[in-house]
Amino acid sequence: MSTGEGAEEMEEDFPVIGKAIIHEHEEMAEKLALVLYALAITSLFGLYSNLKNKPKANLVSYIATVVAIIAVFFSQQTGTTGGEVRHTEIRTNSASADSKTEKITPTNEAEKD
């Protein structure tokens, strides 16, 4: 996130990229940061619970595992949206994806027969 602002300033004026795609990536990165902060706090609490042999230490470990799985999901989403910033071919709503699919027209059907 510390390098994202500088990169955003350079990239947002490119005609293919646009501010909406960068904003989507930025939003996912912020969500990921919140989940990672929660994971850090949960992990520290779990470490403390294990060291002090608290009865709910196993429960905290399970909670940390669930939060870690959620963090992996948000990491994947952040990486994908970051890749979409520069790689237009992987965007789900890109025009290049539409040009790769062949549309059947009456001319094409006659050629196939």
PDB file of N, CA and C in Angstrom:
ATOM      1  N   MET A   1       0.817  -1.188   0.000  1.00  0.00           N
ATOM      2  CA  MET A   1       0.000   0.000   0.000  1.00  0.00           C
ATOM      3  C   MET A   1       0.862   1.254   0.000  1.00  0.00           C
ATOM      4  N   SER A   2       2.084   1.127   0.485  1.00  0.00           N
ATOM      5  CA  SER A   2       2.947   2.305   0.531  1.00  0.00           C
ATOM      6  C   SER A   2       3.417   2.718  -0.852  1.00  0.00           C
ATOM      7  N   THR A   3       3.529   1.790  -1.783  1.00  0.00           N
ATOM      8  CA  THR A   3       3.965   2.128  -3.132  1.00  0.00           C
ATOM      9  C   THR A   3       2.790   2.335  -4.080  1.00  0.00           C
ATOM     10  N   GLY A   4       1.593   2.009  -3.641  1.00  0.00           N
ATOM     11  CA  GLY A   4       0.427   2.085  -4.521  1.00  0.00           C
ATOM     12  C   GLY A   4       0.054   3.484  -4.947  1.00  0.00           C
ATOM     13  N   GLU A   5       0.183   4.451  -4.064  1.00  0.00           N
ATOM     14  CA  GLU A   5      -0.197   5.823  -4.409  1.00  0.00           C
ATOM     15  C   GLU A   5       0.672   6.379  -5.536  1.00  0.00           C
ATOM     16  N   GLY A   6       1.975   6.140  -5.463  1.00  0.00           N
ATOM     17  CA  GLY A   6       2.865   6.615  -6.523  1.00  0.00           C
ATOM     18  C   GLY A   6       2.584   5.938  -7.847  1.00  0.00           C
ATOM     19  N   ALA A   7       2.326   4.635  -7.786  1.00  0.00           N
ATOM     20  CA  ALA A   7       2.016   3.898  -9.015  1.00  0.00           C
ATOM     21  C   ALA A   7       0.688   4.358  -9.598  1.00  0.00           C
ATOM     22  N   GLU A   8      -0.255   4.678  -8.727  1.00  0.00           N
ATOM     23  CA  GLU A   8      -1.565   5.153  -9.194  1.00  0.00           C
ATOM     24  C   GLU A   8      -1.416   6.465  -9.957  1.00  0.00           C
ATOM     25  N   GLU A   9      -0.595   7.353  -9.469  1.00  0.00           N
ATOM     26  CA  GLU A   9      -0.393   8.639 -10.134  1.00  0.00           C
ATOM     27  C   GLU A   9       0.176   8.458 -11.537  1.00  0.00           C
ATOM     28  N   MET A  10       1.058   7.488 -11.709  1.00  0.00           N
ATOM     29  CA  MET A  10       1.652   7.258 -13.030  1.00  0.00           C
ATOM     30  C   MET A  10       0.686   6.561 -13.980  1.00  0.00           C
ATOM     31  N   GLU A  11      -0.133   5.649 -13.476  1.00  0.00           N
ATOM     32  CA  GLU A  11      -0.942   4.782 -14.325  1.00  0.00           C
ATOM     33  C   GLU A  11      -2.326   5.326 -14.657  1.00  0.00           C
ATOM     34  N   GLU A  12      -2.893   6.166 -13.803  1.00  0.00           N
ATOM     35  CA  GLU A  12      -4.298   6.520 -13.971  1.00  0.00           C
ATOM     36  C   GLU A  12      -4.578   7.365 -15.209  1.00  0.00           C
ATOM     37  N   ASP A  13      -3.567   7.974 -15.792  1.00  0.00           N
ATOM     38  CA  ASP A  13      -3.780   8.795 -16.980  1.00  0.00           C
ATOM     39  C   ASP A  13      -3.634   8.021 -18.282  1.00  0.00           C
ATOM     40  N   PHE A  14      -3.259   6.749 -18.219  1.00  0.00           N
ATOM     41  CA  PHE A  14      -3.170   5.944 -19.431  1.00  0.00           C
ATOM     42  C   PHE A  14      -4.574   5.701 -19.964  1.00  0.00           C
ATOM     43  N   PRO A  15      -4.777   5.782 -21.270  1.00  0.00           N
ATOM     44  CA  PRO A  15      -6.136   5.668 -21.814  1.00  0.00           C
ATOM     45  C   PRO A  15      -6.777   4.300 -21.615  1.00  0.00           C
ATOM     46  N   VAL A  16      -6.007   3.226 -21.581  1.00  0.00           N
ATOM     47  CA  VAL A  16      -6.583   1.881 -21.479  1.00  0.00           C
ATOM     48  C   VAL A  16      -6.951   1.539 -20.037  1.00  0.00           C
ATOM     49  N   ILE A  17      -6.298   2.151 -19.064  1.00  0.00           N
ATOM     50  CA  ILE A  17      -6.436   1.721 -17.679  1.00  0.00           C
ATOM     51  C   ILE A  17      -7.670   2.320 -17.012  1.00  0.00           C
ATOM     52  N   GLY A  18      -7.705   3.586 -16.823  1.00  0.00           N
ATOM     53  CA  GLY A  18      -8.853   4.218 -16.201  1.00  0.00           C
ATOM     54  C   GLY A  18      -8.809   4.175 -14.690  1.00  0.00           C
ATOM     55  N   LYS A  19      -9.513   5.102 -14.094  1.00  0.00           N
ATOM     56  CA  LYS A  19      -9.498   5.241 -12.638  1.00  0.00           C
ATOM     57  C   LYS A  19     -10.347   4.183 -11.936  1.00  0.00           C
ATOM     58  N   ALA A  20     -11.370   3.682 -12.603  1.00  0.00           N
ATOM     59  CA  ALA A  20     -12.260   2.697 -11.967  1.00  0.00           C
ATOM     60  C   ALA A  20     -11.522   1.394 -11.662  1.00  0.00           C
ATOM     61  N   ILE A  21     -10.676   0.955 -12.574  1.00  0.00           N
ATOM     62  CA  ILE A  21      -9.942  -0.299 -12.368  1.00  0.00           C
ATOM     63  C   ILE A  21      -8.943  -0.146 -11.229  1.00  0.00           C
ATOM     64  N   ILE A  22      -8.277   0.995 -11.194  1.00  0.00           N
ATOM     65  CA  ILE A  22      -7.317   1.247 -10.117  1.00  0.00           C
ATOM     66  C   ILE A  22      -8.044   1.346  -8.782  1.00  0.00           C
ATOM     67  N   HIS A  23      -9.206   1.987  -8.781  1.00  0.00           N
ATOM     68  CA  HIS A  23      -9.971   2.126  -7.539  1.00  0.00           C
ATOM     69  C   HIS A  23     -10.418   0.765  -7.010  1.00  0.00           C
ATOM     70  N   GLU A  24     -10.821  -0.123  -7.901  1.00  0.00           N
ATOM     71  CA  GLU A  24     -11.227  -1.470  -7.484  1.00  0.00           C
ATOM     72  C   GLU A  24     -10.066  -2.209  -6.819  1.00  0.00           C
ATOM     73  N   HIS A  25      -8.879  -2.092  -7.415  1.00  0.00           N
ATOM     74  CA  HIS A  25      -7.686  -2.726  -6.838  1.00  0.00           C
ATOM     75  C   HIS A  25      -7.360  -2.109  -5.472  1.00  0.00           C
ATOM     76  N   GLU A  26      -7.485  -0.817  -5.382  1.00  0.00           N
ATOM     77  CA  GLU A  26      -7.200  -0.124  -4.124  1.00  0.00           C
ATOM     78  C   GLU A  26      -8.168  -0.558  -3.017  1.00  0.00           C
ATOM     79  N   GLU A  27      -9.439  -0.707  -3.366  1.00  0.00           N
ATOM     80  CA  GLU A  27     -10.435  -1.151  -2.384  1.00  0.00           C
ATOM     81  C   GLU A  27     -10.131  -2.566  -1.887  1.00  0.00           C
ATOM     82  N   MET A  28      -9.741  -3.459  -2.797  1.00  0.00           N
ATOM     83  CA  MET A  28      -9.408  -4.823  -2.395  1.00  0.00           C
ATOM     84  C   MET A  28      -8.174  -4.844  -1.500  1.00  0.00           C
ATOM     85  N   ALA A  29      -7.201  -3.990  -1.795  1.00  0.00           N
ATOM     86  CA  ALA A  29      -5.992  -3.927  -0.971  1.00  0.00           C
ATOM     87  C   ALA A  29      -6.317  -3.425   0.434  1.00  0.00           C
ATOM     88  N   GLU A  30      -7.238  -2.472   0.545  1.00  0.00           N
ATOM     89  CA  GLU A  30      -7.639  -1.981   1.861  1.00  0.00           C
ATOM     90  C   GLU A  30      -8.358  -3.059   2.668  1.00  0.00           C
ATOM     91  N   LYS A  31      -9.219  -3.835   2.004  1.00  0.00           N
ATOM     92  CA  LYS A  31      -9.894  -4.940   2.684  1.00  0.00           C
ATOM     93  C   LYS A  31      -8.884  -5.990   3.141  1.00  0.00           C
ATOM     94  N   LEU A  32      -7.907  -6.285   2.275  1.00  0.00           N
ATOM     95  CA  LEU A  32      -6.863  -7.241   2.632  1.00  0.00           C
ATOM     96  C   LEU A  32      -6.079  -6.749   3.844  1.00  0.00           C
ATOM     97  N   ALA A  33      -5.765  -5.477   3.878  1.00  0.00           N
ATOM     98  CA  ALA A  33      -5.012  -4.928   5.011  1.00  0.00           C
ATOM     99  C   ALA A  33      -5.785  -5.111   6.312  1.00  0.00           C
ATOM    100  N   LEU A  34      -7.085  -4.862   6.294  1.00  0.00           N
ATOM    101  CA  LEU A  34      -7.892  -5.031   7.502  1.00  0.00           C
ATOM    102  C   LEU A  34      -7.902  -6.491   7.962  1.00  0.00           C
ATOM    103  N   VAL A  35      -8.032  -7.412   7.014  1.00  0.00           N
ATOM    104  CA  VAL A  35      -8.040  -8.831   7.374  1.00  0.00           C
ATOM    105  C   VAL A  35      -6.673  -9.248   7.919  1.00  0.00           C
ATOM    106  N   LEU A  36      -5.604  -8.733   7.339  1.00  0.00           N
ATOM    107  CA  LEU A  36      -4.267  -9.073   7.834  1.00  0.00           C
ATOM    108  C   LEU A  36      -4.014  -8.494   9.225  1.00  0.00           C
ATOM    109  N   TYR A  37      -4.544  -7.295   9.493  1.00  0.00           N
ATOM    110  CA  TYR A  37      -4.437  -6.739  10.849  1.00  0.00           C
ATOM    111  C   TYR A  37      -5.189  -7.619  11.844  1.00  0.00           C
ATOM    112  N   ALA A  38      -6.374  -8.081  11.457  1.00  0.00           N
ATOM    113  CA  ALA A  38      -7.149  -8.972  12.320  1.00  0.00           C
ATOM    114  C   ALA A  38      -6.410 -10.288  12.541  1.00  0.00           C
ATOM    115  N   LEU A  39      -5.769 -10.788  11.499  1.00  0.00           N
ATOM    116  CA  LEU A  39      -4.999 -12.022  11.621  1.00  0.00           C
ATOM    117  C   LEU A  39      -3.821 -11.833  12.570  1.00  0.00           C
ATOM    118  N   ALA A  40      -3.163 -10.696  12.480  1.00  0.00           N
ATOM    119  CA  ALA A  40      -2.021 -10.433  13.366  1.00  0.00           C
ATOM    120  C   ALA A  40      -2.465 -10.383  14.824  1.00  0.00           C
ATOM    121  N   ILE A  41      -3.553  -9.697  15.088  1.00  0.00           N
ATOM    122  CA  ILE A  41      -4.048  -9.593  16.464  1.00  0.00           C
ATOM    123  C   ILE A  41      -4.488 -10.961  16.977  1.00  0.00           C
ATOM    124  N   THR A  42      -5.217 -11.698  16.152  1.00  0.00           N
ATOM    125  CA  THR A  42      -5.665 -13.032  16.550  1.00  0.00           C
ATOM    126  C   THR A  42      -4.479 -13.960  16.795  1.00  0.00           C
ATOM    127  N   SER A  43      -3.477 -13.875  15.941  1.00  0.00           N
ATOM    128  CA  SER A  43      -2.297 -14.732  16.098  1.00  0.00           C
ATOM    129  C   SER A  43      -1.520 -14.397  17.365  1.00  0.00           C
ATOM    130  N   LEU A  44      -1.377 -13.113  17.647  1.00  0.00           N
ATOM    131  CA  LEU A  44      -0.684 -12.722  18.882  1.00  0.00           C
ATOM    132  C   LEU A  44      -1.451 -13.189  20.117  1.00  0.00           C
ATOM    133  N   PHE A  45      -2.774 -13.053  20.063  1.00  0.00           N
ATOM    134  CA  PHE A  45      -3.590 -13.534  21.180  1.00  0.00           C
ATOM    135  C   PHE A  45      -3.481 -15.050  21.309  1.00  0.00           C
ATOM    136  N   GLY A  46      -3.447 -15.753  20.192  1.00  0.00           N
ATOM    137  CA  GLY A  46      -3.292 -17.207  20.218  1.00  0.00           C
ATOM    138  C   GLY A  46      -1.941 -17.626  20.764  1.00  0.00           C
ATOM    139  N   LEU A  47      -0.906 -16.903  20.388  1.00  0.00           N
ATOM    140  CA  LEU A  47       0.427 -17.201  20.912  1.00  0.00           C
ATOM    141  C   LEU A  47       0.470 -17.011  22.422  1.00  0.00           C
ATOM    142  N   TYR A  48      -0.100 -15.913  22.881  1.00  0.00           N
ATOM    143  CA  TYR A  48      -0.154 -15.651  24.319  1.00  0.00           C
ATOM    144  C   TYR A  48      -0.952 -16.747  25.039  1.00  0.00           C
ATOM    145  N   SER A  49      -2.095 -17.130  24.439  1.00  0.00           N
ATOM    146  CA  SER A  49      -2.938 -18.163  25.062  1.00  0.00           C
ATOM    147  C   SER A  49      -2.210 -19.501  25.147  1.00  0.00           C
ATOM    148  N   ASN A  50      -1.465 -19.835  24.117  1.00  0.00           N
ATOM    149  CA  ASN A  50      -0.718 -21.093  24.130  1.00  0.00           C
ATOM    150  C   ASN A  50       0.414 -21.067  25.145  1.00  0.00           C
ATOM    151  N   LEU A  51       1.101 -19.932  25.242  1.00  0.00           N
ATOM    152  CA  LEU A  51       2.206 -19.836  26.194  1.00  0.00           C
ATOM    153  C   LEU A  51       1.719 -19.895  27.643  1.00  0.00           C
ATOM    154  N   LYS A  52       0.540 -19.354  27.906  1.00  0.00           N
ATOM    155  CA  LYS A  52      -0.009 -19.352  29.260  1.00  0.00           C
ATOM    156  C   LYS A  52      -0.919 -20.548  29.538  1.00  0.00           C
ATOM    157  N   ASN A  53      -1.008 -21.464  28.572  1.00  0.00           N
ATOM    158  CA  ASN A  53      -1.848 -22.665  28.710  1.00  0.00           C
ATOM    159  C   ASN A  53      -3.295 -22.331  29.077  1.00  0.00           C
ATOM    160  N   LYS A  54      -3.834 -21.379  28.393  1.00  0.00           N
ATOM    161  CA  LYS A  54      -5.239 -20.999  28.602  1.00  0.00           C
ATOM    162  C   LYS A  54      -6.145 -22.079  28.021  1.00  0.00           C
ATOM    163  N   PRO A  55      -7.318 -22.276  28.614  1.00  0.00           N
ATOM    164  CA  PRO A  55      -8.207 -23.353  28.143  1.00  0.00           C
ATOM    165  C   PRO A  55      -8.766 -23.114  26.732  1.00  0.00           C
ATOM    166  N   LYS A  56      -8.861 -21.885  26.297  1.00  0.00           N
ATOM    167  CA  LYS A  56      -9.441 -21.606  24.979  1.00  0.00           C
ATOM    168  C   LYS A  56      -8.377 -21.388  23.909  1.00  0.00           C
ATOM    169  N   ALA A  57      -7.180 -21.853  24.138  1.00  0.00           N
ATOM    170  CA  ALA A  57      -6.084 -21.663  23.178  1.00  0.00           C
ATOM    171  C   ALA A  57      -6.370 -22.360  21.852  1.00  0.00           C
ATOM    172  N   ASN A  58      -6.969 -23.541  21.907  1.00  0.00           N
ATOM    173  CA  ASN A  58      -7.290 -24.260  20.666  1.00  0.00           C
ATOM    174  C   ASN A  58      -8.339 -23.512  19.851  1.00  0.00           C
ATOM    175  N   LEU A  59      -9.317 -22.933  20.527  1.00  0.00           N
ATOM    176  CA  LEU A  59     -10.351 -22.163  19.842  1.00  0.00           C
ATOM    177  C   LEU A  59      -9.733 -20.968  19.112  1.00  0.00           C
ATOM    178  N   VAL A  60      -8.809 -20.294  19.768  1.00  0.00           N
ATOM    179  CA  VAL A  60      -8.147 -19.146  19.142  1.00  0.00           C
ATOM    180  C   VAL A  60      -7.337 -19.594  17.928  1.00  0.00           C
ATOM    181  N   SER A  61      -6.740 -20.764  18.001  1.00  0.00           N
ATOM    182  CA  SER A  61      -6.001 -21.295  16.850  1.00  0.00           C
ATOM    183  C   SER A  61      -6.920 -21.553  15.669  1.00  0.00           C
ATOM    184  N   TYR A  62      -8.098 -22.083  15.926  1.00  0.00           N
ATOM    185  CA  TYR A  62      -9.061 -22.320  14.857  1.00  0.00           C
ATOM    186  C   TYR A  62      -9.550 -21.004  14.254  1.00  0.00           C
ATOM    187  N   ILE A  63      -9.782 -20.024  15.101  1.00  0.00           N
ATOM    188  CA  ILE A  63     -10.209 -18.713  14.603  1.00  0.00           C
ATOM    189  C   ILE A  63      -9.121 -18.099  13.739  1.00  0.00           C
ATOM    190  N   ALA A  64      -7.873 -18.213  14.163  1.00  0.00           N
ATOM    191  CA  ALA A  64      -6.758 -17.685  13.373  1.00  0.00           C
ATOM    192  C   ALA A  64      -6.660 -18.388  12.026  1.00  0.00           C
ATOM    193  N   THR A  65      -6.933 -19.679  11.999  1.00  0.00           N
ATOM    194  CA  THR A  65      -6.904 -20.422  10.742  1.00  0.00           C
ATOM    195  C   THR A  65      -7.991 -19.937   9.786  1.00  0.00           C
ATOM    196  N   VAL A  66      -9.180 -19.691  10.309  1.00  0.00           N
ATOM    197  CA  VAL A  66     -10.276 -19.190   9.473  1.00  0.00           C
ATOM    198  C   VAL A  66      -9.942 -17.801   8.930  1.00  0.00           C
ATOM    199  N   VAL A  67      -9.414 -16.937   9.787  1.00  0.00           N
ATOM    200  CA  VAL A  67      -9.038 -15.591   9.343  1.00  0.00           C
ATOM    201  C   VAL A  67      -7.926 -15.675   8.295  1.00  0.00           C
ATOM    202  N   ALA A  68      -7.010 -16.616   8.441  1.00  0.00           N
ATOM    203  CA  ALA A  68      -5.935 -16.794   7.458  1.00  0.00           C
ATOM    204  C   ALA A  68      -6.494 -17.244   6.113  1.00  0.00           C
ATOM    205  N   ILE A  69      -7.487 -18.105   6.108  1.00  0.00           N
ATOM    206  CA  ILE A  69      -8.115 -18.542   4.861  1.00  0.00           C
ATOM    207  C   ILE A  69      -8.817 -17.365   4.184  1.00  0.00           C
ATOM    208  N   ILE A  70      -9.469 -16.537   4.974  1.00  0.00           N
ATOM    209  CA  ILE A  70     -10.098 -15.331   4.431  1.00  0.00           C
ATOM    210  C   ILE A  70      -9.033 -14.406   3.850  1.00  0.00           C
ATOM    211  N   ALA A  71      -7.892 -14.309   4.513  1.00  0.00           N
ATOM    212  CA  ALA A  71      -6.796 -13.470   4.021  1.00  0.00           C
ATOM    213  C   ALA A  71      -6.264 -13.986   2.689  1.00  0.00           C
ATOM    214  N   VAL A  72      -6.197 -15.288   2.524  1.00  0.00           N
ATOM    215  CA  VAL A  72      -5.747 -15.862   1.246  1.00  0.00           C
ATOM    216  C   VAL A  72      -6.710 -15.487   0.130  1.00  0.00           C
ATOM    217  N   PHE A  73      -8.002 -15.532   0.409  1.00  0.00           N
ATOM    218  CA  PHE A  73      -9.002 -15.141  -0.587  1.00  0.00           C
ATOM    219  C   PHE A  73      -8.807 -13.683  -1.004  1.00  0.00           C
ATOM    220  N   PHE A  74      -8.686 -12.792  -0.019  1.00  0.00           N
ATOM    221  CA  PHE A  74      -8.511 -11.374  -0.344  1.00  0.00           C
ATOM    222  C   PHE A  74      -7.167 -11.112  -1.018  1.00  0.00           C
ATOM    223  N   SER A  75      -6.153 -11.883  -0.696  1.00  0.00           N
ATOM    224  CA  SER A  75      -4.862 -11.756  -1.377  1.00  0.00           C
ATOM    225  C   SER A  75      -4.995 -12.110  -2.851  1.00  0.00           C
ATOM    226  N   GLN A  76      -5.711 -13.173  -3.130  1.00  0.00           N
ATOM    227  CA  GLN A  76      -5.921 -13.592  -4.511  1.00  0.00           C
ATOM    228  C   GLN A  76      -6.710 -12.529  -5.268  1.00  0.00           C
ATOM    229  N   GLN A  77      -7.741 -11.989  -4.658  1.00  0.00           N
ATOM    230  CA  GLN A  77      -8.551 -10.964  -5.307  1.00  0.00           C
ATOM    231  C   GLN A  77      -7.746  -9.692  -5.556  1.00  0.00           C
ATOM    232  N   THR A  78      -6.915  -9.319  -4.596  1.00  0.00           N
ATOM    233  CA  THR A  78      -6.083  -8.129  -4.749  1.00  0.00           C
ATOM    234  C   THR A  78      -5.077  -8.326  -5.875  1.00  0.00           C
ATOM    235  N   GLY A  79      -4.485  -9.487  -5.952  1.00  0.00           N
ATOM    236  CA  GLY A  79      -3.544  -9.770  -7.029  1.00  0.00           C
ATOM    237  C   GLY A  79      -4.211  -9.782  -8.392  1.00  0.00           C
ATOM    238  N   THR A  80      -5.393 -10.338  -8.465  1.00  0.00           N
ATOM    239  CA  THR A  80      -6.111 -10.385  -9.737  1.00  0.00           C
ATOM    240  C   THR A  80      -6.498  -8.986 -10.194  1.00  0.00           C
ATOM    241  N   THR A  81      -7.041  -8.187  -9.294  1.00  0.00           N
ATOM    242  CA  THR A  81      -7.411  -6.831  -9.686  1.00  0.00           C
ATOM    243  C   THR A  81      -6.181  -5.993 -10.011  1.00  0.00           C
ATOM    244  N   GLY A  82      -5.065  -6.274  -9.366  1.00  0.00           N
ATOM    245  CA  GLY A  82      -3.824  -5.583  -9.703  1.00  0.00           C
ATOM    246  C   GLY A  82      -3.319  -5.983 -11.074  1.00  0.00           C
ATOM    247  N   GLY A  83      -3.469  -7.252 -11.411  1.00  0.00           N
ATOM    248  CA  GLY A  83      -3.072  -7.706 -12.740  1.00  0.00           C
ATOM    249  C   GLY A  83      -3.944  -7.119 -13.831  1.00  0.00           C
ATOM    250  N   GLU A  84      -5.217  -6.907 -13.521  1.00  0.00           N
ATOM    251  CA  GLU A  84      -6.131  -6.332 -14.500  1.00  0.00           C
ATOM    252  C   GLU A  84      -5.796  -4.887 -14.829  1.00  0.00           C
ATOM    253  N   VAL A  85      -5.059  -4.219 -13.953  1.00  0.00           N
ATOM    254  CA  VAL A  85      -4.696  -2.832 -14.217  1.00  0.00           C
ATOM    255  C   VAL A  85      -3.852  -2.746 -15.487  1.00  0.00           C
ATOM    256  N   ARG A  86      -2.861  -3.577 -15.619  1.00  0.00           N
ATOM    257  CA  ARG A  86      -1.961  -3.511 -16.773  1.00  0.00           C
ATOM    258  C   ARG A  86      -2.236  -4.565 -17.837  1.00  0.00           C
ATOM    259  N   HIS A  87      -2.859  -5.657 -17.462  1.00  0.00           N
ATOM    260  CA  HIS A  87      -3.098  -6.740 -18.419  1.00  0.00           C
ATOM    261  C   HIS A  87      -4.571  -6.731 -18.818  1.00  0.00           C
ATOM    262  N   THR A  88      -4.860  -6.021 -19.873  1.00  0.00           N
ATOM    263  CA  THR A  88      -6.254  -5.892 -20.301  1.00  0.00           C
ATOM    264  C   THR A  88      -6.846  -7.210 -20.772  1.00  0.00           C
ATOM    265  N   GLU A  89      -6.012  -8.149 -21.161  1.00  0.00           N
ATOM    266  CA  GLU A  89      -6.527  -9.411 -21.688  1.00  0.00           C
ATOM    267  C   GLU A  89      -7.173 -10.296 -20.622  1.00  0.00           C
ATOM    268  N   ILE A  90      -6.920 -10.028 -19.342  1.00  0.00           N
ATOM    269  CA  ILE A  90      -7.524 -10.866 -18.302  1.00  0.00           C
ATOM    270  C   ILE A  90      -8.756 -10.228 -17.681  1.00  0.00           C
ATOM    271  N   ARG A  91      -9.123  -9.056 -18.127  1.00  0.00           N
ATOM    272  CA  ARG A  91     -10.333  -8.415 -17.596  1.00  0.00           C
ATOM    273  C   ARG A  91     -11.559  -9.172 -18.072  1.00  0.00           C
ATOM    274  N   THR A  92     -12.515  -9.321 -17.186  1.00  0.00           N
ATOM    275  CA  THR A  92     -13.715 -10.079 -17.533  1.00  0.00           C
ATOM    276  C   THR A  92     -14.615  -9.313 -18.489  1.00  0.00           C
ATOM    277  N   ASN A  93     -14.567  -8.004 -18.461  1.00  0.00           N
ATOM    278  CA  ASN A  93     -15.437  -7.217 -19.332  1.00  0.00           C
ATOM    279  C   ASN A  93     -14.672  -6.535 -20.457  1.00  0.00           C
ATOM    280  N   SER A  94     -13.553  -7.119 -20.854  1.00  0.00           N
ATOM    281  CA  SER A  94     -12.726  -6.466 -21.866  1.00  0.00           C
ATOM    282  C   SER A  94     -13.257  -6.715 -23.267  1.00  0.00           C
ATOM    283  N   ALA A  95     -12.966  -5.791 -24.147  1.00  0.00           N
ATOM    284  CA  ALA A  95     -13.377  -5.926 -25.541  1.00  0.00           C
ATOM    285  C   ALA A  95     -12.543  -6.985 -26.253  1.00  0.00           C
ATOM    286  N   SER A  96     -11.320  -7.209 -25.752  1.00  0.00           N
ATOM    287  CA  SER A  96     -10.476  -8.215 -26.397  1.00  0.00           C
ATOM    288  C   SER A  96     -11.041  -9.615 -26.204  1.00  0.00           C
ATOM    289  N   ALA A  97     -11.711  -9.849 -25.092  1.00  0.00           N
ATOM    290  CA  ALA A  97     -12.326 -11.159 -24.881  1.00  0.00           C
ATOM    291  C   ALA A  97     -13.486 -11.362 -25.854  1.00  0.00           C
ATOM    292  N   ASP A  98     -14.213 -10.269 -26.160  1.00  0.00           N
ATOM    293  CA  ASP A  98     -15.324 -10.380 -27.102  1.00  0.00           C
ATOM    294  C   ASP A  98     -14.833 -10.616 -28.521  1.00  0.00           C
ATOM    295  N   SER A  99     -13.680 -10.053 -28.862  1.00  0.00           N
ATOM    296  CA  SER A  99     -13.180 -10.220 -30.223  1.00  0.00           C
ATOM    297  C   SER A  99     -12.647 -11.628 -30.475  1.00  0.00           C
ATOM    298  N   LYS A 100     -12.317 -12.362 -29.422  1.00  0.00           N
ATOM    299  CA  LYS A 100     -11.791 -13.716 -29.584  1.00  0.00           C
ATOM    300  C   LYS A 100     -12.889 -14.740 -29.836  1.00  0.00           C
ATOM    301  N   THR A 101     -14.114 -14.410 -29.424  1.00  0.00           N
ATOM    302  CA  THR A 101     -15.210 -15.347 -29.638  1.00  0.00           C
ATOM    303  C   THR A 101     -15.796 -15.109 -31.016  1.00  0.00           C
ATOM    304  N   GLU A 102     -15.994 -16.184 -31.746  1.00  0.00           N
ATOM    305  CA  GLU A 102     -16.514 -16.074 -33.108  1.00  0.00           C
ATOM    306  C   GLU A 102     -18.030 -16.022 -33.050  1.00  0.00           C
ATOM    307  N   LYS A 103     -18.588 -15.037 -33.740  1.00  0.00           N
ATOM    308  CA  LYS A 103     -20.035 -14.910 -33.804  1.00  0.00           C
ATOM    309  C   LYS A 103     -20.516 -15.595 -35.072  1.00  0.00           C
ATOM    310  N   ILE A 104     -21.584 -16.362 -34.950  1.00  0.00           N
ATOM    311  CA  ILE A 104     -22.114 -17.081 -36.106  1.00  0.00           C
ATOM    312  C   ILE A 104     -23.073 -16.151 -36.848  1.00  0.00           C
ATOM    313  N   THR A 105     -22.759 -15.898 -38.065  1.00  0.00           N
ATOM    314  CA  THR A 105     -23.598 -15.076 -38.937  1.00  0.00           C
ATOM    315  C   THR A 105     -24.057 -15.954 -40.088  1.00  0.00           C
ATOM    316  N   PRO A 106     -25.038 -15.493 -40.857  1.00  0.00           N
ATOM    317  CA  PRO A 106     -25.467 -16.312 -41.996  1.00  0.00           C
ATOM    318  C   PRO A 106     -24.325 -16.600 -42.970  1.00  0.00           C
ATOM    319  N   THR A 107     -23.388 -15.677 -43.116  1.00  0.00           N
ATOM    320  CA  THR A 107     -22.245 -15.900 -44.012  1.00  0.00           C
ATOM    321  C   THR A 107     -21.384 -17.043 -43.496  1.00  0.00           C
ATOM    322  N   ASN A 108     -21.138 -17.069 -42.160  1.00  0.00           N
ATOM    323  CA  ASN A 108     -20.323 -18.125 -41.563  1.00  0.00           C
ATOM    324  C   ASN A 108     -21.002 -19.482 -41.674  1.00  0.00           C
ATOM    325  N   GLU A 109     -22.317 -19.516 -41.512  1.00  0.00           N
ATOM    326  CA  GLU A 109     -23.019 -20.784 -41.610  1.00  0.00           C
ATOM    327  C   GLU A 109     -22.940 -21.350 -43.028  1.00  0.00           C
ATOM    328  N   ALA A 110     -23.025 -20.475 -44.036  1.00  0.00           N
ATOM    329  CA  ALA A 110     -22.945 -20.933 -45.424  1.00  0.00           C
ATOM    330  C   ALA A 110     -21.563 -21.478 -45.731  1.00  0.00           C
ATOM    331  N   GLU A 111     -20.526 -20.855 -45.155  1.00  0.00           N
ATOM    332  CA  GLU A 111     -19.166 -21.315 -45.377  1.00  0.00           C
ATOM    333  C   GLU A 111     -18.924 -22.676 -44.741  1.00  0.00           C
ATOM    334  N   LYS A 112     -19.578 -22.944 -43.607  1.00  0.00           N
ATOM    335  CA  LYS A 112     -19.376 -24.213 -42.909  1.00  0.00           C
ATOM    336  C   LYS A 112     -20.030 -25.377 -43.650  1.00  0.00           C
ATOM    337  N   ASP A 113     -21.133 -25.098 -44.378  1.00  0.00           N
ATOM    338  CA  ASP A 113     -21.820 -26.153 -45.129  1.00  0.00           C
ATOM    339  C   ASP A 113     -21.018 -26.471 -46.316  1.00  0.00           C
TER     340      ASP A 113
END
